[in-house]
PDB file of all heavy atoms in Angstrom:
ATOM      1  N   GLY A   1       0.785  -1.231   0.001  1.00  0.00           N
ATOM      2  CA  GLY A   1      -0.002   0.000  -0.001  1.00  0.00           C
ATOM      3  C   GLY A   1       0.816   1.275   0.000  1.00  0.00           C
ATOM      4  O   GLY A   1       0.407   2.299   0.562  1.00  0.00           O
ATOM      5  N   LEU A   2       1.996   1.244  -0.632  1.00  0.00           N
ATOM      6  CA  LEU A   2       2.872   2.424  -0.631  1.00  0.00           C
ATOM      7  C   LEU A   2       2.565   3.402  -1.758  1.00  0.00           C
ATOM      8  O   LEU A   2       3.190   4.456  -1.845  1.00  0.00           O
ATOM      9  CB  LEU A   2       4.332   1.980  -0.752  1.00  0.00           C
ATOM     10  CG  LEU A   2       4.850   1.083   0.381  1.00  0.00           C
ATOM     11  CD1 LEU A   2       6.279   0.676   0.111  1.00  0.00           C
ATOM     12  CD2 LEU A   2       4.766   1.821   1.709  1.00  0.00           C
ATOM     13  N   GLU A   3       1.598   3.063  -2.624  1.00  0.00           N
ATOM     14  CA  GLU A   3       1.338   3.910  -3.796  1.00  0.00           C
ATOM     15  C   GLU A   3       0.985   5.345  -3.425  1.00  0.00           C
ATOM     16  O   GLU A   3       1.400   6.297  -4.075  1.00  0.00           O
ATOM     17  CB  GLU A   3       0.212   3.302  -4.646  1.00  0.00           C
ATOM     18  CG  GLU A   3       0.632   2.076  -5.429  1.00  0.00           C
ATOM     19  CD  GLU A   3       0.717   0.821  -4.564  1.00  0.00           C
ATOM     20  OE1 GLU A   3       0.298   0.867  -3.397  1.00  0.00           O
ATOM     21  OE2 GLU A   3       1.215  -0.189  -5.047  1.00  0.00           O
ATOM     22  N   LYS A   4       0.189   5.520  -2.363  1.00  0.00           N
ATOM     23  CA  LYS A   4      -0.227   6.883  -2.013  1.00  0.00           C
ATOM     24  C   LYS A   4       0.958   7.731  -1.559  1.00  0.00           C
ATOM     25  O   LYS A   4       1.013   8.937  -1.823  1.00  0.00           O
ATOM     26  CB  LYS A   4      -1.291   6.845  -0.918  1.00  0.00           C
ATOM     27  CG  LYS A   4      -0.837   6.303   0.423  1.00  0.00           C
ATOM     28  CD  LYS A   4      -1.964   6.338   1.438  1.00  0.00           C
ATOM     29  CE  LYS A   4      -1.518   5.820   2.794  1.00  0.00           C
ATOM     30  NZ  LYS A   4      -2.612   5.833   3.788  1.00  0.00           N
ATOM     31  N   TRP A   5       1.950   7.092  -0.898  1.00  0.00           N
ATOM     32  CA  TRP A   5       3.127   7.858  -0.482  1.00  0.00           C
ATOM     33  C   TRP A   5       4.003   8.188  -1.672  1.00  0.00           C
ATOM     34  O   TRP A   5       4.702   9.209  -1.677  1.00  0.00           O
ATOM     35  CB  TRP A   5       3.915   7.081   0.560  1.00  0.00           C
ATOM     36  CG  TRP A   5       3.175   6.901   1.839  1.00  0.00           C
ATOM     37  CD1 TRP A   5       2.768   5.736   2.401  1.00  0.00           C
ATOM     38  CD2 TRP A   5       2.717   7.935   2.725  1.00  0.00           C
ATOM     39  NE1 TRP A   5       2.091   5.971   3.570  1.00  0.00           N
ATOM     40  CE2 TRP A   5       2.041   7.311   3.795  1.00  0.00           C
ATOM     41  CE3 TRP A   5       2.800   9.325   2.707  1.00  0.00           C
ATOM     42  CZ2 TRP A   5       1.471   8.028   4.841  1.00  0.00           C
ATOM     43  CZ3 TRP A   5       2.235  10.038   3.754  1.00  0.00           C
ATOM     44  CH2 TRP A   5       1.584   9.397   4.790  1.00  0.00           C
ATOM     45  N   VAL A   6       4.004   7.311  -2.686  1.00  0.00           N
ATOM     46  CA  VAL A   6       4.772   7.604  -3.906  1.00  0.00           C
ATOM     47  C   VAL A   6       4.227   8.856  -4.573  1.00  0.00           C
ATOM     48  O   VAL A   6       4.962   9.686  -5.087  1.00  0.00           O
ATOM     49  CB  VAL A   6       4.708   6.406  -4.877  1.00  0.00           C
ATOM     50  CG1 VAL A   6       5.286   6.783  -6.230  1.00  0.00           C
ATOM     51  CG2 VAL A   6       5.481   5.231  -4.309  1.00  0.00           C
ATOM     52  N   THR A   7       2.899   9.002  -4.540  1.00  0.00           N
ATOM     53  CA  THR A   7       2.263  10.166  -5.149  1.00  0.00           C
ATOM     54  C   THR A   7       2.582  11.430  -4.366  1.00  0.00           C
ATOM     55  O   THR A   7       2.840  12.496  -4.936  1.00  0.00           O
ATOM     56  CB  THR A   7       0.733   9.972  -5.207  1.00  0.00           C
ATOM     57  OG1 THR A   7       0.459   8.772  -5.928  1.00  0.00           O
ATOM     58  CG2 THR A   7       0.067  11.138  -5.911  1.00  0.00           C
ATOM     59  N   ILE A   8       2.597  11.335  -3.021  1.00  0.00           N
ATOM     60  CA  ILE A   8       2.757  12.522  -2.179  1.00  0.00           C
ATOM     61  C   ILE A   8       4.226  12.889  -1.991  1.00  0.00           C
ATOM     62  O   ILE A   8       4.632  14.023  -2.220  1.00  0.00           O
ATOM     63  CB  ILE A   8       2.095  12.284  -0.807  1.00  0.00           C
ATOM     64  CG1 ILE A   8       0.602  12.022  -0.987  1.00  0.00           C
ATOM     65  CG2 ILE A   8       2.315  13.489   0.113  1.00  0.00           C
ATOM     66  CD1 ILE A   8      -0.088  11.565   0.280  1.00  0.00           C
ATOM     67  N   GLU A   9       5.042  11.915  -1.546  1.00  0.00           N
ATOM     68  CA  GLU A   9       6.440  12.201  -1.235  1.00  0.00           C
ATOM     69  C   GLU A   9       7.336  11.086  -1.764  1.00  0.00           C
ATOM     70  O   GLU A   9       7.899  10.316  -0.988  1.00  0.00           O
ATOM     71  CB  GLU A   9       6.629  12.340   0.270  1.00  0.00           C
ATOM     72  CG  GLU A   9       5.900  13.508   0.916  1.00  0.00           C
ATOM     73  CD  GLU A   9       6.213  13.601   2.397  1.00  0.00           C
ATOM     74  OE1 GLU A   9       5.627  12.843   3.177  1.00  0.00           O
ATOM     75  OE2 GLU A   9       7.065  14.419   2.753  1.00  0.00           O
ATOM     76  N   PRO A  10       7.498  10.971  -3.067  1.00  0.00           N
ATOM     77  CA  PRO A  10       8.255   9.842  -3.619  1.00  0.00           C
ATOM     78  C   PRO A  10       9.722   9.816  -3.196  1.00  0.00           C
ATOM     79  O   PRO A  10      10.249   8.760  -2.861  1.00  0.00           O
ATOM     80  CB  PRO A  10       8.105  10.028  -5.130  1.00  0.00           C
ATOM     81  CG  PRO A  10       7.752  11.460  -5.328  1.00  0.00           C
ATOM     82  CD  PRO A  10       6.965  11.849  -4.110  1.00  0.00           C
ATOM     83  N   GLU A  11      10.382  10.978  -3.190  1.00  0.00           N
ATOM     84  CA  GLU A  11      11.808  10.992  -2.882  1.00  0.00           C
ATOM     85  C   GLU A  11      12.057  10.700  -1.400  1.00  0.00           C
ATOM     86  O   GLU A  11      12.982   9.959  -1.049  1.00  0.00           O
ATOM     87  CB  GLU A  11      12.416  12.346  -3.273  1.00  0.00           C
ATOM     88  CG  GLU A  11      12.416  12.571  -4.780  1.00  0.00           C
ATOM     89  CD  GLU A  11      13.102  13.863  -5.166  1.00  0.00           C
ATOM     90  OE1 GLU A  11      13.645  14.535  -4.266  1.00  0.00           O
ATOM     91  OE2 GLU A  11      13.095  14.191  -6.358  1.00  0.00           O
ATOM     92  N   ARG A  12      11.220  11.284  -0.515  1.00  0.00           N
ATOM     93  CA  ARG A  12      11.392  11.024   0.918  1.00  0.00           C
ATOM     94  C   ARG A  12      11.152   9.553   1.231  1.00  0.00           C
ATOM     95  O   ARG A  12      11.877   8.943   2.017  1.00  0.00           O
ATOM     96  CB  ARG A  12      10.429  11.893   1.741  1.00  0.00           C
ATOM     97  CG  ARG A  12      10.724  13.384   1.722  1.00  0.00           C
ATOM     98  CD  ARG A  12      12.087  13.698   2.332  1.00  0.00           C
ATOM     99  NE  ARG A  12      12.193  13.307   3.729  1.00  0.00           N
ATOM    100  CZ  ARG A  12      11.836  14.089   4.760  1.00  0.00           C
ATOM    101  NH1 ARG A  12      11.316  15.281   4.529  1.00  0.00           N
ATOM    102  NH2 ARG A  12      11.985  13.687   5.991  1.00  0.00           N
ATOM    103  N   LEU A  13      10.131   8.984   0.622  1.00  0.00           N
ATOM    104  CA  LEU A  13       9.822   7.584   0.869  1.00  0.00           C
ATOM    105  C   LEU A  13      10.947   6.690   0.360  1.00  0.00           C
ATOM    106  O   LEU A  13      11.365   5.749   1.045  1.00  0.00           O
ATOM    107  CB  LEU A  13       8.508   7.202   0.198  1.00  0.00           C
ATOM    108  CG  LEU A  13       8.096   5.729   0.336  1.00  0.00           C
ATOM    109  CD1 LEU A  13       7.898   5.350   1.793  1.00  0.00           C
ATOM    110  CD2 LEU A  13       6.825   5.444  -0.450  1.00  0.00           C
ATOM    111  N   ALA A  14      11.445   6.959  -0.841  1.00  0.00           N
ATOM    112  CA  ALA A  14      12.522   6.146  -1.410  1.00  0.00           C
ATOM    113  C   ALA A  14      13.769   6.208  -0.533  1.00  0.00           C
ATOM    114  O   ALA A  14      14.400   5.184  -0.250  1.00  0.00           O
ATOM    115  CB  ALA A  14      12.842   6.623  -2.826  1.00  0.00           C
ATOM    116  N   THR A  15      14.129   7.420  -0.066  1.00  0.00           N
ATOM    117  CA  THR A  15      15.306   7.569   0.791  1.00  0.00           C
ATOM    118  C   THR A  15      15.119   6.841   2.111  1.00  0.00           C
ATOM    119  O   THR A  15      16.019   6.140   2.593  1.00  0.00           O
ATOM    120  CB  THR A  15      15.571   9.066   1.062  1.00  0.00           C
ATOM    121  OG1 THR A  15      15.781   9.736  -0.183  1.00  0.00           O
ATOM    122  CG2 THR A  15      16.799   9.249   1.934  1.00  0.00           C
ATOM    123  N   ASP A  16      13.937   6.988   2.692  1.00  0.00           N
ATOM    124  CA  ASP A  16      13.658   6.370   3.983  1.00  0.00           C
ATOM    125  C   ASP A  16      13.713   4.847   3.889  1.00  0.00           C
ATOM    126  O   ASP A  16      14.302   4.174   4.740  1.00  0.00           O
ATOM    127  CB  ASP A  16      12.287   6.823   4.476  1.00  0.00           C
ATOM    128  CG  ASP A  16      12.137   6.666   5.982  1.00  0.00           C
ATOM    129  OD1 ASP A  16      13.131   6.905   6.688  1.00  0.00           O
ATOM    130  OD2 ASP A  16      11.048   6.310   6.437  1.00  0.00           O
ATOM    131  N   LEU A  17      13.103   4.292   2.846  1.00  0.00           N
ATOM    132  CA  LEU A  17      13.112   2.838   2.677  1.00  0.00           C
ATOM    133  C   LEU A  17      14.519   2.320   2.369  1.00  0.00           C
ATOM    134  O   LEU A  17      14.916   1.260   2.858  1.00  0.00           O
ATOM    135  CB  LEU A  17      12.156   2.428   1.561  1.00  0.00           C
ATOM    136  CG  LEU A  17      10.673   2.374   1.926  1.00  0.00           C
ATOM    137  CD1 LEU A  17       9.849   2.014   0.708  1.00  0.00           C
ATOM    138  CD2 LEU A  17      10.420   1.367   3.032  1.00  0.00           C
ATOM    139  N   ALA A  18      15.260   3.055   1.550  1.00  0.00           N
ATOM    140  CA  ALA A  18      16.629   2.637   1.235  1.00  0.00           C
ATOM    141  C   ALA A  18      17.474   2.600   2.495  1.00  0.00           C
ATOM    142  O   ALA A  18      18.274   1.669   2.698  1.00  0.00           O
ATOM    143  CB  ALA A  18      17.244   3.584   0.202  1.00  0.00           C
ATOM    144  N   ASN A  19      17.318   3.594   3.372  1.00  0.00           N
ATOM    145  CA  ASN A  19      18.041   3.594   4.646  1.00  0.00           C
ATOM    146  C   ASN A  19      17.633   2.404   5.506  1.00  0.00           C
ATOM    147  O   ASN A  19      18.465   1.743   6.135  1.00  0.00           O
ATOM    148  CB  ASN A  19      17.783   4.898   5.416  1.00  0.00           C
ATOM    149  CG  ASN A  19      18.488   6.081   4.789  1.00  0.00           C
ATOM    150  OD1 ASN A  19      19.529   5.924   4.160  1.00  0.00           O
ATOM    151  ND2 ASN A  19      17.920   7.268   4.939  1.00  0.00           N
ATOM    152  N   PHE A  20      16.338   2.137   5.546  1.00  0.00           N
ATOM    153  CA  PHE A  20      15.832   1.030   6.354  1.00  0.00           C
ATOM    154  C   PHE A  20      16.376  -0.303   5.839  1.00  0.00           C
ATOM    155  O   PHE A  20      16.827  -1.147   6.615  1.00  0.00           O
ATOM    156  CB  PHE A  20      14.306   1.027   6.311  1.00  0.00           C
ATOM    157  CG  PHE A  20      13.675  -0.004   7.215  1.00  0.00           C
ATOM    158  CD1 PHE A  20      13.533   0.244   8.571  1.00  0.00           C
ATOM    159  CD2 PHE A  20      13.230  -1.205   6.710  1.00  0.00           C
ATOM    160  CE1 PHE A  20      12.972  -0.698   9.415  1.00  0.00           C
ATOM    161  CE2 PHE A  20      12.655  -2.156   7.536  1.00  0.00           C
ATOM    162  CZ  PHE A  20      12.526  -1.897   8.897  1.00  0.00           C
ATOM    163  N   LEU A  21      16.358  -0.488   4.517  1.00  0.00           N
ATOM    164  CA  LEU A  21      16.834  -1.747   3.932  1.00  0.00           C
ATOM    165  C   LEU A  21      18.352  -1.881   4.020  1.00  0.00           C
ATOM    166  O   LEU A  21      18.889  -2.970   3.825  1.00  0.00           O
ATOM    167  CB  LEU A  21      16.398  -1.842   2.470  1.00  0.00           C
ATOM    168  CG  LEU A  21      14.885  -1.886   2.223  1.00  0.00           C
ATOM    169  CD1 LEU A  21      14.587  -1.951   0.732  1.00  0.00           C
ATOM    170  CD2 LEU A  21      14.253  -3.065   2.925  1.00  0.00           C
ATOM    171  N   SER A  22      19.039  -0.781   4.308  1.00  0.00           N
ATOM    172  CA  SER A  22      20.489  -0.838   4.470  1.00  0.00           C
ATOM    173  C   SER A  22      20.894  -1.195   5.895  1.00  0.00           C
ATOM    174  O   SER A  22      22.075  -1.455   6.150  1.00  0.00           O
ATOM    175  CB  SER A  22      21.113   0.512   4.081  1.00  0.00           C
ATOM    176  OG  SER A  22      20.903   0.793   2.713  1.00  0.00           O
ATOM    177  N   ALA A  23      19.945  -1.193   6.816  1.00  0.00           N
ATOM    178  CA  ALA A  23      20.232  -1.554   8.207  1.00  0.00           C
ATOM    179  C   ALA A  23      20.261  -3.073   8.300  1.00  0.00           C
ATOM    180  O   ALA A  23      19.265  -3.729   8.598  1.00  0.00           O
ATOM    181  CB  ALA A  23      19.169  -0.973   9.130  1.00  0.00           C
ATOM    182  N   LEU A  24      21.409  -3.669   8.029  1.00  0.00           N
ATOM    183  CA  LEU A  24      21.523  -5.116   7.866  1.00  0.00           C
ATOM    184  C   LEU A  24      21.137  -5.892   9.114  1.00  0.00           C
ATOM    185  O   LEU A  24      20.724  -7.058   9.022  1.00  0.00           O
ATOM    186  CB  LEU A  24      22.948  -5.479   7.448  1.00  0.00           C
ATOM    187  CG  LEU A  24      23.407  -4.913   6.111  1.00  0.00           C
ATOM    188  CD1 LEU A  24      24.790  -5.420   5.772  1.00  0.00           C
ATOM    189  CD2 LEU A  24      22.446  -5.314   5.008  1.00  0.00           C
ATOM    190  N   ILE A  25      21.259  -5.290  10.278  1.00  0.00           N
ATOM    191  CA  ILE A  25      20.932  -5.990  11.508  1.00  0.00           C
ATOM    192  C   ILE A  25      19.461  -6.428  11.518  1.00  0.00           C
ATOM    193  O   ILE A  25      19.080  -7.382  12.197  1.00  0.00           O
ATOM    194  CB  ILE A  25      21.242  -5.102  12.733  1.00  0.00           C
ATOM    195  CG1 ILE A  25      21.255  -5.944  14.014  1.00  0.00           C
ATOM    196  CG2 ILE A  25      20.248  -3.957  12.863  1.00  0.00           C
ATOM    197  CD1 ILE A  25      21.759  -5.183  15.220  1.00  0.00           C
ATOM    198  N   LEU A  26      18.637  -5.725  10.739  1.00  0.00           N
ATOM    199  CA  LEU A  26      17.208  -6.057  10.692  1.00  0.00           C
ATOM    200  C   LEU A  26      16.920  -7.251   9.786  1.00  0.00           C
ATOM    201  O   LEU A  26      15.810  -7.774   9.788  1.00  0.00           O
ATOM    202  CB  LEU A  26      16.418  -4.853  10.157  1.00  0.00           C
ATOM    203  CG  LEU A  26      16.553  -3.563  10.955  1.00  0.00           C
ATOM    204  CD1 LEU A  26      15.874  -2.438  10.219  1.00  0.00           C
ATOM    205  CD2 LEU A  26      15.957  -3.728  12.333  1.00  0.00           C
ATOM    206  N   PHE A  27      17.912  -7.699   9.025  1.00  0.00           N
ATOM    207  CA  PHE A  27      17.673  -8.736   8.037  1.00  0.00           C
ATOM    208  C   PHE A  27      18.601  -9.949   8.201  1.00  0.00           C
ATOM    209  O   PHE A  27      18.739 -10.747   7.297  1.00  0.00           O
ATOM    210  CB  PHE A  27      17.827  -8.156   6.621  1.00  0.00           C
ATOM    211  CG  PHE A  27      16.939  -6.976   6.381  1.00  0.00           C
ATOM    212  CD1 PHE A  27      17.413  -5.691   6.546  1.00  0.00           C
ATOM    213  CD2 PHE A  27      15.618  -7.150   6.029  1.00  0.00           C
ATOM    214  CE1 PHE A  27      16.592  -4.596   6.349  1.00  0.00           C
ATOM    215  CE2 PHE A  27      14.787  -6.062   5.830  1.00  0.00           C
ATOM    216  CZ  PHE A  27      15.268  -4.784   5.990  1.00  0.00           C
ATOM    217  N   GLU A  28      19.216 -10.059   9.369  1.00  0.00           N
ATOM    218  CA  GLU A  28      20.129 -11.163   9.605  1.00  0.00           C
ATOM    219  C   GLU A  28      19.413 -12.399  10.150  1.00  0.00           C
ATOM    220  O   GLU A  28      19.885 -13.516  10.007  1.00  0.00           O
ATOM    221  CB  GLU A  28      21.228 -10.730  10.598  1.00  0.00           C
ATOM    222  CG  GLU A  28      22.149  -9.637  10.066  1.00  0.00           C
ATOM    223  CD  GLU A  28      23.041 -10.116   8.951  1.00  0.00           C
ATOM    224  OE1 GLU A  28      23.217 -11.335   8.818  1.00  0.00           O
ATOM    225  OE2 GLU A  28      23.555  -9.280   8.203  1.00  0.00           O
ATOM    226  N   ARG A  29      18.291 -12.201  10.803  1.00  0.00           N
ATOM    227  CA  ARG A  29      17.583 -13.315  11.435  1.00  0.00           C
ATOM    228  C   ARG A  29      16.703 -14.038  10.415  1.00  0.00           C
ATOM    229  O   ARG A  29      15.832 -13.434   9.789  1.00  0.00           O
ATOM    230  CB  ARG A  29      16.720 -12.802  12.577  1.00  0.00           C
ATOM    231  CG  ARG A  29      17.543 -12.173  13.688  1.00  0.00           C
ATOM    232  CD  ARG A  29      17.490 -13.005  14.932  1.00  0.00           C
ATOM    233  NE  ARG A  29      18.475 -12.523  15.902  1.00  0.00           N
ATOM    234  CZ  ARG A  29      19.141 -13.303  16.713  1.00  0.00           C
ATOM    235  NH1 ARG A  29      18.964 -14.610  16.651  1.00  0.00           N
ATOM    236  NH2 ARG A  29      19.991 -12.807  17.586  1.00  0.00           N
ATOM    237  N   THR A  30      16.911 -15.334  10.253  1.00  0.00           N
ATOM    238  CA  THR A  30      16.129 -16.083   9.283  1.00  0.00           C
ATOM    239  C   THR A  30      14.680 -16.251   9.720  1.00  0.00           C
ATOM    240  O   THR A  30      13.813 -16.524   8.897  1.00  0.00           O
ATOM    241  CB  THR A  30      16.746 -17.472   9.051  1.00  0.00           C
ATOM    242  OG1 THR A  30      16.825 -18.164  10.312  1.00  0.00           O
ATOM    243  CG2 THR A  30      18.133 -17.356   8.458  1.00  0.00           C
ATOM    244  N   LYS A  31      14.414 -16.096  11.014  1.00  0.00           N
ATOM    245  CA  LYS A  31      13.038 -16.261  11.513  1.00  0.00           C
ATOM    246  C   LYS A  31      12.216 -14.973  11.390  1.00  0.00           C
ATOM    247  O   LYS A  31      11.032 -14.961  11.683  1.00  0.00           O
ATOM    248  CB  LYS A  31      13.057 -16.703  12.982  1.00  0.00           C
ATOM    249  CG  LYS A  31      13.725 -18.046  13.226  1.00  0.00           C
ATOM    250  CD  LYS A  31      12.900 -19.193  12.666  1.00  0.00           C
ATOM    251  CE  LYS A  31      13.512 -20.540  13.019  1.00  0.00           C
ATOM    252  NZ  LYS A  31      12.717 -21.666  12.506  1.00  0.00           N
ATOM    253  N   LEU A  32      12.877 -13.886  10.997  1.00  0.00           N
ATOM    254  CA  LEU A  32      12.180 -12.618  10.773  1.00  0.00           C
ATOM    255  C   LEU A  32      12.322 -12.258   9.301  1.00  0.00           C
ATOM    256  O   LEU A  32      13.428 -12.010   8.816  1.00  0.00           O
ATOM    257  CB  LEU A  32      12.770 -11.497  11.634  1.00  0.00           C
ATOM    258  CG  LEU A  32      12.175 -10.103  11.400  1.00  0.00           C
ATOM    259  CD1 LEU A  32      10.738 -10.040  11.873  1.00  0.00           C
ATOM    260  CD2 LEU A  32      13.012  -9.043  12.090  1.00  0.00           C
ATOM    261  N   VAL A  33      11.205 -12.253   8.582  1.00  0.00           N
ATOM    262  CA  VAL A  33      11.237 -12.038   7.134  1.00  0.00           C
ATOM    263  C   VAL A  33      10.389 -10.826   6.777  1.00  0.00           C
ATOM    264  O   VAL A  33       9.249 -10.702   7.237  1.00  0.00           O
ATOM    265  CB  VAL A  33      10.697 -13.284   6.387  1.00  0.00           C
ATOM    266  CG1 VAL A  33      10.701 -13.046   4.886  1.00  0.00           C
ATOM    267  CG2 VAL A  33      11.513 -14.510   6.746  1.00  0.00           C
ATOM    268  N   TYR A  34      10.945  -9.928   5.972  1.00  0.00           N
ATOM    269  CA  TYR A  34      10.209  -8.776   5.453  1.00  0.00           C
ATOM    270  C   TYR A  34       9.775  -9.074   4.022  1.00  0.00           C
ATOM    271  O   TYR A  34      10.566  -9.561   3.212  1.00  0.00           O
ATOM    272  CB  TYR A  34      11.074  -7.520   5.450  1.00  0.00           C
ATOM    273  CG  TYR A  34      11.364  -6.952   6.814  1.00  0.00           C
ATOM    274  CD1 TYR A  34      12.410  -7.447   7.584  1.00  0.00           C
ATOM    275  CD2 TYR A  34      10.599  -5.910   7.328  1.00  0.00           C
ATOM    276  CE1 TYR A  34      12.681  -6.926   8.843  1.00  0.00           C
ATOM    277  CE2 TYR A  34      10.863  -5.377   8.580  1.00  0.00           C
ATOM    278  CZ  TYR A  34      11.906  -5.894   9.331  1.00  0.00           C
ATOM    279  OH  TYR A  34      12.177  -5.382  10.569  1.00  0.00           O
ATOM    280  N   LYS A  35       8.521  -8.764   3.721  1.00  0.00           N
ATOM    281  CA  LYS A  35       8.006  -8.889   2.360  1.00  0.00           C
ATOM    282  C   LYS A  35       7.486  -7.511   1.944  1.00  0.00           C
ATOM    283  O   LYS A  35       6.408  -7.099   2.364  1.00  0.00           O
ATOM    284  CB  LYS A  35       6.872  -9.918   2.299  1.00  0.00           C
ATOM    285  CG  LYS A  35       7.283 -11.321   2.713  1.00  0.00           C
ATOM    286  CD  LYS A  35       8.173 -11.986   1.676  1.00  0.00           C
ATOM    287  CE  LYS A  35       8.503 -13.414   2.093  1.00  0.00           C
ATOM    288  NZ  LYS A  35       9.385 -14.092   1.117  1.00  0.00           N
ATOM    289  N   PHE A  36       8.276  -6.787   1.169  1.00  0.00           N
ATOM    290  CA  PHE A  36       7.880  -5.461   0.710  1.00  0.00           C
ATOM    291  C   PHE A  36       7.260  -5.557  -0.678  1.00  0.00           C
ATOM    292  O   PHE A  36       7.861  -6.129  -1.593  1.00  0.00           O
ATOM    293  CB  PHE A  36       9.104  -4.531   0.620  1.00  0.00           C
ATOM    294  CG  PHE A  36       9.611  -4.067   1.950  1.00  0.00           C
ATOM    295  CD1 PHE A  36      10.572  -4.795   2.631  1.00  0.00           C
ATOM    296  CD2 PHE A  36       9.140  -2.895   2.514  1.00  0.00           C
ATOM    297  CE1 PHE A  36      11.052  -4.372   3.857  1.00  0.00           C
ATOM    298  CE2 PHE A  36       9.612  -2.463   3.738  1.00  0.00           C
ATOM    299  CZ  PHE A  36      10.573  -3.205   4.413  1.00  0.00           C
ATOM    300  N   PHE A  37       6.075  -5.004  -0.831  1.00  0.00           N
ATOM    301  CA  PHE A  37       5.461  -4.864  -2.150  1.00  0.00           C
ATOM    302  C   PHE A  37       5.548  -3.385  -2.517  1.00  0.00           C
ATOM    303  O   PHE A  37       4.802  -2.575  -1.987  1.00  0.00           O
ATOM    304  CB  PHE A  37       3.992  -5.332  -2.111  1.00  0.00           C
ATOM    305  CG  PHE A  37       3.856  -6.812  -1.944  1.00  0.00           C
ATOM    306  CD1 PHE A  37       3.915  -7.390  -0.687  1.00  0.00           C
ATOM    307  CD2 PHE A  37       3.686  -7.638  -3.050  1.00  0.00           C
ATOM    308  CE1 PHE A  37       3.799  -8.763  -0.522  1.00  0.00           C
ATOM    309  CE2 PHE A  37       3.568  -9.014  -2.892  1.00  0.00           C
ATOM    310  CZ  PHE A  37       3.625  -9.578  -1.625  1.00  0.00           C
ATOM    311  N   VAL A  38       6.500  -3.044  -3.374  1.00  0.00           N
ATOM    312  CA  VAL A  38       6.748  -1.630  -3.680  1.00  0.00           C
ATOM    313  C   VAL A  38       6.394  -1.336  -5.129  1.00  0.00           C
ATOM    314  O   VAL A  38       6.569  -2.183  -6.012  1.00  0.00           O
ATOM    315  CB  VAL A  38       8.224  -1.246  -3.407  1.00  0.00           C
ATOM    316  CG1 VAL A  38       8.565  -1.442  -1.946  1.00  0.00           C
ATOM    317  CG2 VAL A  38       9.176  -2.058  -4.263  1.00  0.00           C
ATOM    318  N   PRO A  39       5.894  -0.132  -5.399  1.00  0.00           N
ATOM    319  CA  PRO A  39       5.597   0.252  -6.781  1.00  0.00           C
ATOM    320  C   PRO A  39       6.864   0.256  -7.630  1.00  0.00           C
ATOM    321  O   PRO A  39       7.975   0.444  -7.123  1.00  0.00           O
ATOM    322  CB  PRO A  39       5.026   1.672  -6.642  1.00  0.00           C
ATOM    323  CG  PRO A  39       4.610   1.780  -5.219  1.00  0.00           C
ATOM    324  CD  PRO A  39       5.555   0.915  -4.448  1.00  0.00           C
TER     325      PRO A  39
END
């Protein structure tokens, strides 16, 4: 459901998500899985 944020603040959202996905500590655990559906 990120489409509405793409319309309103595409650059801020892209930067924020890129920073979040770069925080590797959040993606090291195999029992915690993120599924992002992005436009």
